[in-house]
Amino acid sequence: MQGATKEELRNEFLKPKVKLERFRKEQHWTTAYMATMIGLKDRRQYELKERGEYPFNDYEMLIIANAFHKQVQDIFFKD
């Protein structure tokens, strides 16, 4: 998205992570487990990220992708 505004990027990337939620539930992993996995102190912080209200950091996306044995783009950027 070359030349995109901050608001356009926010709308593109801060949306609910439906695939991530599906993968998490398939593994029967709780939001508390996911929060601990990526180094968050509170499951609510993770839930806000999964709902698309806050962005995941790049290292968090990498940790999650590795846990699912998938590529980052397959979880976070492809529909």
PDB file of N, CA and C in Angstrom:
ATOM      1  N   MET A   1       0.840  -1.185   0.000  1.00  0.00           N
ATOM      2  CA  MET A   1       0.000   0.000   0.000  1.00  0.00           C
ATOM      3  C   MET A   1       0.885   1.249   0.000  1.00  0.00           C
ATOM      4  N   GLN A   2       1.571   1.452  -1.073  1.00  0.00           N
ATOM      5  CA  GLN A   2       2.473   2.578  -1.185  1.00  0.00           C
ATOM      6  C   GLN A   2       1.688   3.888  -1.154  1.00  0.00           C
ATOM      7  N   GLY A   3       2.131   4.810  -0.334  1.00  0.00           N
ATOM      8  CA  GLY A   3       1.482   6.098  -0.219  1.00  0.00           C
ATOM      9  C   GLY A   3       0.222   6.095   0.617  1.00  0.00           C
ATOM     10  N   ALA A   4      -0.026   5.021   1.330  1.00  0.00           N
ATOM     11  CA  ALA A   4      -1.231   4.920   2.155  1.00  0.00           C
ATOM     12  C   ALA A   4      -1.096   5.795   3.392  1.00  0.00           C
ATOM     13  N   THR A   5      -2.208   6.319   3.831  1.00  0.00           N
ATOM     14  CA  THR A   5      -2.211   7.117   5.045  1.00  0.00           C
ATOM     15  C   THR A   5      -2.210   6.203   6.261  1.00  0.00           C
ATOM     16  N   LYS A   6      -1.898   6.772   7.405  1.00  0.00           N
ATOM     17  CA  LYS A   6      -1.901   6.007   8.650  1.00  0.00           C
ATOM     18  C   LYS A   6      -3.285   5.406   8.896  1.00  0.00           C
ATOM     19  N   GLU A   7      -4.323   6.149   8.637  1.00  0.00           N
ATOM     20  CA  GLU A   7      -5.690   5.661   8.855  1.00  0.00           C
ATOM     21  C   GLU A   7      -6.011   4.497   7.912  1.00  0.00           C
ATOM     22  N   GLU A   8      -5.564   4.573   6.663  1.00  0.00           N
ATOM     23  CA  GLU A   8      -5.792   3.478   5.720  1.00  0.00           C
ATOM     24  C   GLU A   8      -5.057   2.214   6.165  1.00  0.00           C
ATOM     25  N   LEU A   9      -3.832   2.380   6.625  1.00  0.00           N
ATOM     26  CA  LEU A   9      -3.067   1.237   7.124  1.00  0.00           C
ATOM     27  C   LEU A   9      -3.710   0.651   8.370  1.00  0.00           C
ATOM     28  N   ARG A  10      -4.175   1.511   9.253  1.00  0.00           N
ATOM     29  CA  ARG A  10      -4.841   1.055  10.476  1.00  0.00           C
ATOM     30  C   ARG A  10      -6.075   0.222  10.114  1.00  0.00           C
ATOM     31  N   ASN A  11      -6.864   0.695   9.170  1.00  0.00           N
ATOM     32  CA  ASN A  11      -8.063  -0.043   8.758  1.00  0.00           C
ATOM     33  C   ASN A  11      -7.708  -1.378   8.123  1.00  0.00           C
ATOM     34  N   GLU A  12      -6.589  -1.424   7.410  1.00  0.00           N
ATOM     35  CA  GLU A  12      -6.174  -2.658   6.744  1.00  0.00           C
ATOM     36  C   GLU A  12      -5.642  -3.690   7.737  1.00  0.00           C
ATOM     37  N   PHE A  13      -4.850  -3.256   8.698  1.00  0.00           N
ATOM     38  CA  PHE A  13      -4.150  -4.198   9.565  1.00  0.00           C
ATOM     39  C   PHE A  13      -4.761  -4.376  10.948  1.00  0.00           C
ATOM     40  N   LEU A  14      -5.550  -3.430  11.402  1.00  0.00           N
ATOM     41  CA  LEU A  14      -6.203  -3.585  12.699  1.00  0.00           C
ATOM     42  C   LEU A  14      -7.631  -4.059  12.494  1.00  0.00           C
ATOM     43  N   LYS A  15      -7.743  -5.299  12.141  1.00  0.00           N
ATOM     44  CA  LYS A  15      -9.048  -5.925  12.013  1.00  0.00           C
ATOM     45  C   LYS A  15      -8.981  -7.235  12.783  1.00  0.00           C
ATOM     46  N   PRO A  16     -10.108  -7.776  13.155  1.00  0.00           N
ATOM     47  CA  PRO A  16     -10.090  -9.023  13.936  1.00  0.00           C
ATOM     48  C   PRO A  16      -9.296 -10.125  13.232  1.00  0.00           C
ATOM     49  N   LYS A  17      -8.526 -10.843  14.008  1.00  0.00           N
ATOM     50  CA  LYS A  17      -7.691 -11.927  13.487  1.00  0.00           C
ATOM     51  C   LYS A  17      -8.486 -13.233  13.565  1.00  0.00           C
ATOM     52  N   VAL A  18      -9.405 -13.385  12.632  1.00  0.00           N
ATOM     53  CA  VAL A  18     -10.344 -14.505  12.618  1.00  0.00           C
ATOM     54  C   VAL A  18      -9.610 -15.831  12.441  1.00  0.00           C
ATOM     55  N   LYS A  19      -8.634 -15.864  11.531  1.00  0.00           N
ATOM     56  CA  LYS A  19      -7.892 -17.105  11.326  1.00  0.00           C
ATOM     57  C   LYS A  19      -7.104 -17.480  12.571  1.00  0.00           C
ATOM     58  N   LEU A  20      -6.503 -16.507  13.205  1.00  0.00           N
ATOM     59  CA  LEU A  20      -5.753 -16.770  14.432  1.00  0.00           C
ATOM     60  C   LEU A  20      -6.676 -17.344  15.495  1.00  0.00           C
ATOM     61  N   GLU A  21      -7.840 -16.760  15.659  1.00  0.00           N
ATOM     62  CA  GLU A  21      -8.800 -17.262  16.640  1.00  0.00           C
ATOM     63  C   GLU A  21      -9.199 -18.705  16.311  1.00  0.00           C
ATOM     64  N   ARG A  22      -9.435 -18.983  15.038  1.00  0.00           N
ATOM     65  CA  ARG A  22      -9.808 -20.334  14.630  1.00  0.00           C
ATOM     66  C   ARG A  22      -8.695 -21.333  14.932  1.00  0.00           C
ATOM     67  N   PHE A  23      -7.457 -20.983  14.579  1.00  0.00           N
ATOM     68  CA  PHE A  23      -6.322 -21.869  14.857  1.00  0.00           C
ATOM     69  C   PHE A  23      -6.178 -22.101  16.351  1.00  0.00           C
ATOM     70  N   ARG A  24      -6.328 -21.048  17.130  1.00  0.00           N
ATOM     71  CA  ARG A  24      -6.194 -21.145  18.590  1.00  0.00           C
ATOM     72  C   ARG A  24      -7.245 -22.097  19.163  1.00  0.00           C
ATOM     73  N   LYS A  25      -8.476 -21.944  18.716  1.00  0.00           N
ATOM     74  CA  LYS A  25      -9.556 -22.791  19.221  1.00  0.00           C
ATOM     75  C   LYS A  25      -9.404 -24.237  18.777  1.00  0.00           C
ATOM     76  N   GLU A  26      -8.874 -24.457  17.570  1.00  0.00           N
ATOM     77  CA  GLU A  26      -8.627 -25.825  17.109  1.00  0.00           C
ATOM     78  C   GLU A  26      -7.637 -26.547  18.021  1.00  0.00           C
ATOM     79  N   GLN A  27      -6.693 -25.795  18.568  1.00  0.00           N
ATOM     80  CA  GLN A  27      -5.697 -26.368  19.472  1.00  0.00           C
ATOM     81  C   GLN A  27      -6.179 -26.401  20.922  1.00  0.00           C
ATOM     82  N   HIS A  28      -7.349 -25.817  21.171  1.00  0.00           N
ATOM     83  CA  HIS A  28      -7.899 -25.714  22.521  1.00  0.00           C
ATOM     84  C   HIS A  28      -6.985 -24.883  23.430  1.00  0.00           C
ATOM     85  N   TRP A  29      -6.377 -23.846  22.838  1.00  0.00           N
ATOM     86  CA  TRP A  29      -5.513 -22.947  23.593  1.00  0.00           C
ATOM     87  C   TRP A  29      -6.342 -21.758  24.065  1.00  0.00           C
ATOM     88  N   THR A  30      -6.186 -21.392  25.313  1.00  0.00           N
ATOM     89  CA  THR A  30      -6.914 -20.255  25.868  1.00  0.00           C
ATOM     90  C   THR A  30      -6.208 -18.947  25.517  1.00  0.00           C
ATOM     91  N   THR A  31      -6.931 -17.864  25.697  1.00  0.00           N
ATOM     92  CA  THR A  31      -6.299 -16.563  25.486  1.00  0.00           C
ATOM     93  C   THR A  31      -5.227 -16.322  26.551  1.00  0.00           C
ATOM     94  N   ALA A  32      -5.404 -16.864  27.732  1.00  0.00           N
ATOM     95  CA  ALA A  32      -4.380 -16.737  28.783  1.00  0.00           C
ATOM     96  C   ALA A  32      -3.101 -17.462  28.362  1.00  0.00           C
ATOM     97  N   TYR A  33      -3.256 -18.647  27.769  1.00  0.00           N
ATOM     98  CA  TYR A  33      -2.088 -19.387  27.285  1.00  0.00           C
ATOM     99  C   TYR A  33      -1.373 -18.600  26.202  1.00  0.00           C
ATOM    100  N   MET A  34      -2.126 -18.054  25.264  1.00  0.00           N
ATOM    101  CA  MET A  34      -1.530 -17.280  24.171  1.00  0.00           C
ATOM    102  C   MET A  34      -0.812 -16.042  24.704  1.00  0.00           C
ATOM    103  N   ALA A  35      -1.424 -15.381  25.679  1.00  0.00           N
ATOM    104  CA  ALA A  35      -0.799 -14.206  26.274  1.00  0.00           C
ATOM    105  C   ALA A  35       0.542 -14.567  26.894  1.00  0.00           C
ATOM    106  N   THR A  36       0.570 -15.656  27.641  1.00  0.00           N
ATOM    107  CA  THR A  36       1.817 -16.108  28.261  1.00  0.00           C
ATOM    108  C   THR A  36       2.846 -16.460  27.200  1.00  0.00           C
ATOM    109  N   MET A  37       2.408 -17.112  26.135  1.00  0.00           N
ATOM    110  CA  MET A  37       3.310 -17.520  25.064  1.00  0.00           C
ATOM    111  C   MET A  37       4.064 -16.336  24.463  1.00  0.00           C
ATOM    112  N   ILE A  38       3.366 -15.215  24.300  1.00  0.00           N
ATOM    113  CA  ILE A  38       4.016 -14.062  23.656  1.00  0.00           C
ATOM    114  C   ILE A  38       4.534 -13.036  24.662  1.00  0.00           C
ATOM    115  N   GLY A  39       4.452 -13.375  25.945  1.00  0.00           N
ATOM    116  CA  GLY A  39       5.068 -12.533  26.954  1.00  0.00           C
ATOM    117  C   GLY A  39       4.197 -11.427  27.519  1.00  0.00           C
ATOM    118  N   LEU A  40       2.882 -11.549  27.368  1.00  0.00           N
ATOM    119  CA  LEU A  40       1.978 -10.562  27.950  1.00  0.00           C
ATOM    120  C   LEU A  40       1.603 -11.002  29.360  1.00  0.00           C
ATOM    121  N   LYS A  41       1.358 -10.046  30.221  1.00  0.00           N
ATOM    122  CA  LYS A  41       1.025 -10.364  31.604  1.00  0.00           C
ATOM    123  C   LYS A  41      -0.452 -10.632  31.817  1.00  0.00           C
ATOM    124  N   ASP A  42      -1.266 -10.244  30.862  1.00  0.00           N
ATOM    125  CA  ASP A  42      -2.710 -10.308  31.056  1.00  0.00           C
ATOM    126  C   ASP A  42      -3.384 -10.818  29.789  1.00  0.00           C
ATOM    127  N   ARG A  43      -4.300 -11.753  29.935  1.00  0.00           N
ATOM    128  CA  ARG A  43      -5.020 -12.303  28.783  1.00  0.00           C
ATOM    129  C   ARG A  43      -5.823 -11.235  28.067  1.00  0.00           C
ATOM    130  N   ARG A  44      -6.271 -10.213  28.802  1.00  0.00           N
ATOM    131  CA  ARG A  44      -7.070  -9.156  28.170  1.00  0.00           C
ATOM    132  C   ARG A  44      -6.257  -8.395  27.128  1.00  0.00           C
ATOM    133  N   GLN A  45      -4.970  -8.237  27.376  1.00  0.00           N
ATOM    134  CA  GLN A  45      -4.114  -7.584  26.378  1.00  0.00           C
ATOM    135  C   GLN A  45      -4.116  -8.400  25.085  1.00  0.00           C
ATOM    136  N   TYR A  46      -4.001  -9.712  25.236  1.00  0.00           N
ATOM    137  CA  TYR A  46      -4.013 -10.577  24.058  1.00  0.00           C
ATOM    138  C   TYR A  46      -5.364 -10.503  23.344  1.00  0.00           C
ATOM    139  N   GLU A  47      -6.437 -10.537  24.108  1.00  0.00           N
ATOM    140  CA  GLU A  47      -7.774 -10.504  23.521  1.00  0.00           C
ATOM    141  C   GLU A  47      -7.990  -9.237  22.702  1.00  0.00           C
ATOM    142  N   LEU A  48      -7.481  -8.117  23.165  1.00  0.00           N
ATOM    143  CA  LEU A  48      -7.593  -6.868  22.411  1.00  0.00           C
ATOM    144  C   LEU A  48      -6.848  -6.964  21.085  1.00  0.00           C
ATOM    145  N   LYS A  49      -5.717  -7.633  21.101  1.00  0.00           N
ATOM    146  CA  LYS A  49      -4.946  -7.809  19.866  1.00  0.00           C
ATOM    147  C   LYS A  49      -5.676  -8.750  18.908  1.00  0.00           C
ATOM    148  N   GLU A  50      -6.195  -9.840  19.421  1.00  0.00           N
ATOM    149  CA  GLU A  50      -6.901 -10.795  18.562  1.00  0.00           C
ATOM    150  C   GLU A  50      -8.162 -10.163  17.971  1.00  0.00           C
ATOM    151  N   ARG A  51      -8.803  -9.284  18.713  1.00  0.00           N
ATOM    152  CA  ARG A  51     -10.007  -8.600  18.212  1.00  0.00           C
ATOM    153  C   ARG A  51      -9.678  -7.465  17.246  1.00  0.00           C
ATOM    154  N   GLY A  52      -8.389  -7.157  17.092  1.00  0.00           N
ATOM    155  CA  GLY A  52      -7.984  -6.123  16.153  1.00  0.00           C
ATOM    156  C   GLY A  52      -8.009  -4.723  16.718  1.00  0.00           C
ATOM    157  N   GLU A  53      -8.087  -4.590  18.037  1.00  0.00           N
ATOM    158  CA  GLU A  53      -8.110  -3.263  18.647  1.00  0.00           C
ATOM    159  C   GLU A  53      -6.707  -2.723  18.884  1.00  0.00           C
ATOM    160  N   TYR A  54      -5.724  -3.615  18.978  1.00  0.00           N
ATOM    161  CA  TYR A  54      -4.314  -3.239  19.118  1.00  0.00           C
ATOM    162  C   TYR A  54      -3.503  -4.134  18.199  1.00  0.00           C
ATOM    163  N   PRO A  55      -2.378  -3.627  17.689  1.00  0.00           N
ATOM    164  CA  PRO A  55      -1.576  -4.443  16.770  1.00  0.00           C
ATOM    165  C   PRO A  55      -0.697  -5.454  17.504  1.00  0.00           C
ATOM    166  N   PHE A  56      -0.423  -6.549  16.828  1.00  0.00           N
ATOM    167  CA  PHE A  56       0.585  -7.489  17.302  1.00  0.00           C
ATOM    168  C   PHE A  56       1.953  -6.945  16.908  1.00  0.00           C
ATOM    169  N   ASN A  57       2.933  -7.101  17.779  1.00  0.00           N
ATOM    170  CA  ASN A  57       4.310  -6.763  17.430  1.00  0.00           C
ATOM    171  C   ASN A  57       4.857  -7.838  16.509  1.00  0.00           C
ATOM    172  N   ASP A  58       5.892  -7.491  15.748  1.00  0.00           N
ATOM    173  CA  ASP A  58       6.452  -8.456  14.805  1.00  0.00           C
ATOM    174  C   ASP A  58       6.957  -9.711  15.494  1.00  0.00           C
ATOM    175  N   TYR A  59       7.594  -9.574  16.638  1.00  0.00           N
ATOM    176  CA  TYR A  59       8.107 -10.756  17.332  1.00  0.00           C
ATOM    177  C   TYR A  59       6.966 -11.612  17.890  1.00  0.00           C
ATOM    178  N   GLU A  60       5.845 -10.990  18.260  1.00  0.00           N
ATOM    179  CA  GLU A  60       4.687 -11.753  18.726  1.00  0.00           C
ATOM    180  C   GLU A  60       4.105 -12.587  17.588  1.00  0.00           C
ATOM    181  N   MET A  61       4.023 -11.980  16.404  1.00  0.00           N
ATOM    182  CA  MET A  61       3.509 -12.715  15.248  1.00  0.00           C
ATOM    183  C   MET A  61       4.414 -13.895  14.914  1.00  0.00           C
ATOM    184  N   LEU A  62       5.721 -13.713  15.030  1.00  0.00           N
ATOM    185  CA  LEU A  62       6.661 -14.783  14.738  1.00  0.00           C
ATOM    186  C   LEU A  62       6.536 -15.923  15.749  1.00  0.00           C
ATOM    187  N   ILE A  63       6.412 -15.595  17.027  1.00  0.00           N
ATOM    188  CA  ILE A  63       6.236 -16.614  18.061  1.00  0.00           C
ATOM    189  C   ILE A  63       4.972 -17.429  17.796  1.00  0.00           C
ATOM    190  N   ILE A  64       3.887 -16.733  17.490  1.00  0.00           N
ATOM    191  CA  ILE A  64       2.609 -17.414  17.233  1.00  0.00           C
ATOM    192  C   ILE A  64       2.692 -18.287  15.989  1.00  0.00           C
ATOM    193  N   ALA A  65       3.263 -17.758  14.921  1.00  0.00           N
ATOM    194  CA  ALA A  65       3.384 -18.533  13.683  1.00  0.00           C
ATOM    195  C   ALA A  65       4.211 -19.795  13.918  1.00  0.00           C
ATOM    196  N   ASN A  66       5.295 -19.667  14.658  1.00  0.00           N
ATOM    197  CA  ASN A  66       6.121 -20.842  14.950  1.00  0.00           C
ATOM    198  C   ASN A  66       5.351 -21.867  15.779  1.00  0.00           C
ATOM    199  N   ALA A  67       4.560 -21.416  16.719  1.00  0.00           N
ATOM    200  CA  ALA A  67       3.776 -22.333  17.557  1.00  0.00           C
ATOM    201  C   ALA A  67       2.767 -23.118  16.723  1.00  0.00           C
ATOM    202  N   PHE A  68       2.225 -22.496  15.689  1.00  0.00           N
ATOM    203  CA  PHE A  68       1.258 -23.162  14.819  1.00  0.00           C
ATOM    204  C   PHE A  68       1.912 -23.851  13.622  1.00  0.00           C
ATOM    205  N   HIS A  69       3.241 -23.718  13.489  1.00  0.00           N
ATOM    206  CA  HIS A  69       3.977 -24.286  12.358  1.00  0.00           C
ATOM    207  C   HIS A  69       3.442 -23.736  11.046  1.00  0.00           C
ATOM    208  N   LYS A  70       3.238 -22.423  11.024  1.00  0.00           N
ATOM    209  CA  LYS A  70       2.722 -21.740   9.842  1.00  0.00           C
ATOM    210  C   LYS A  70       3.562 -20.495   9.578  1.00  0.00           C
ATOM    211  N   GLN A  71       3.365 -19.908   8.416  1.00  0.00           N
ATOM    212  CA  GLN A  71       4.024 -18.654   8.068  1.00  0.00           C
ATOM    213  C   GLN A  71       3.232 -17.489   8.656  1.00  0.00           C
ATOM    214  N   VAL A  72       3.925 -16.420   9.025  1.00  0.00           N
ATOM    215  CA  VAL A  72       3.270 -15.246   9.606  1.00  0.00           C
ATOM    216  C   VAL A  72       2.182 -14.731   8.671  1.00  0.00           C
ATOM    217  N   GLN A  73       2.494 -14.619   7.390  1.00  0.00           N
ATOM    218  CA  GLN A  73       1.508 -14.056   6.459  1.00  0.00           C
ATOM    219  C   GLN A  73       0.268 -14.929   6.347  1.00  0.00           C
ATOM    220  N   ASP A  74       0.399 -16.228   6.539  1.00  0.00           N
ATOM    221  CA  ASP A  74      -0.751 -17.118   6.438  1.00  0.00           C
ATOM    222  C   ASP A  74      -1.742 -16.915   7.589  1.00  0.00           C
ATOM    223  N   ILE A  75      -1.255 -16.466   8.720  1.00  0.00           N
ATOM    224  CA  ILE A  75      -2.123 -16.235   9.878  1.00  0.00           C
ATOM    225  C   ILE A  75      -2.624 -14.808   9.923  1.00  0.00           C
ATOM    226  N   PHE A  76      -1.739 -13.862   9.670  1.00  0.00           N
ATOM    227  CA  PHE A  76      -2.063 -12.463   9.932  1.00  0.00           C
ATOM    228  C   PHE A  76      -2.418 -11.628   8.691  1.00  0.00           C
ATOM    229  N   PHE A  77      -2.000 -12.035   7.499  1.00  0.00           N
ATOM    230  CA  PHE A  77      -2.159 -11.150   6.357  1.00  0.00           C
ATOM    231  C   PHE A  77      -2.946 -11.714   5.189  1.00  0.00           C
ATOM    232  N   LYS A  78      -3.178 -13.007   5.137  1.00  0.00           N
ATOM    233  CA  LYS A  78      -3.961 -13.582   4.050  1.00  0.00           C
ATOM    234  C   LYS A  78      -5.356 -13.878   4.551  1.00  0.00           C
ATOM    235  N   ASP A  79      -6.333 -13.635   3.696  1.00  0.00           N
ATOM    236  CA  ASP A  79      -7.724 -13.914   4.072  1.00  0.00           C
ATOM    237  C   ASP A  79      -8.074 -15.356   3.920  1.00  0.00           C
TER     238      ASP A  79
END
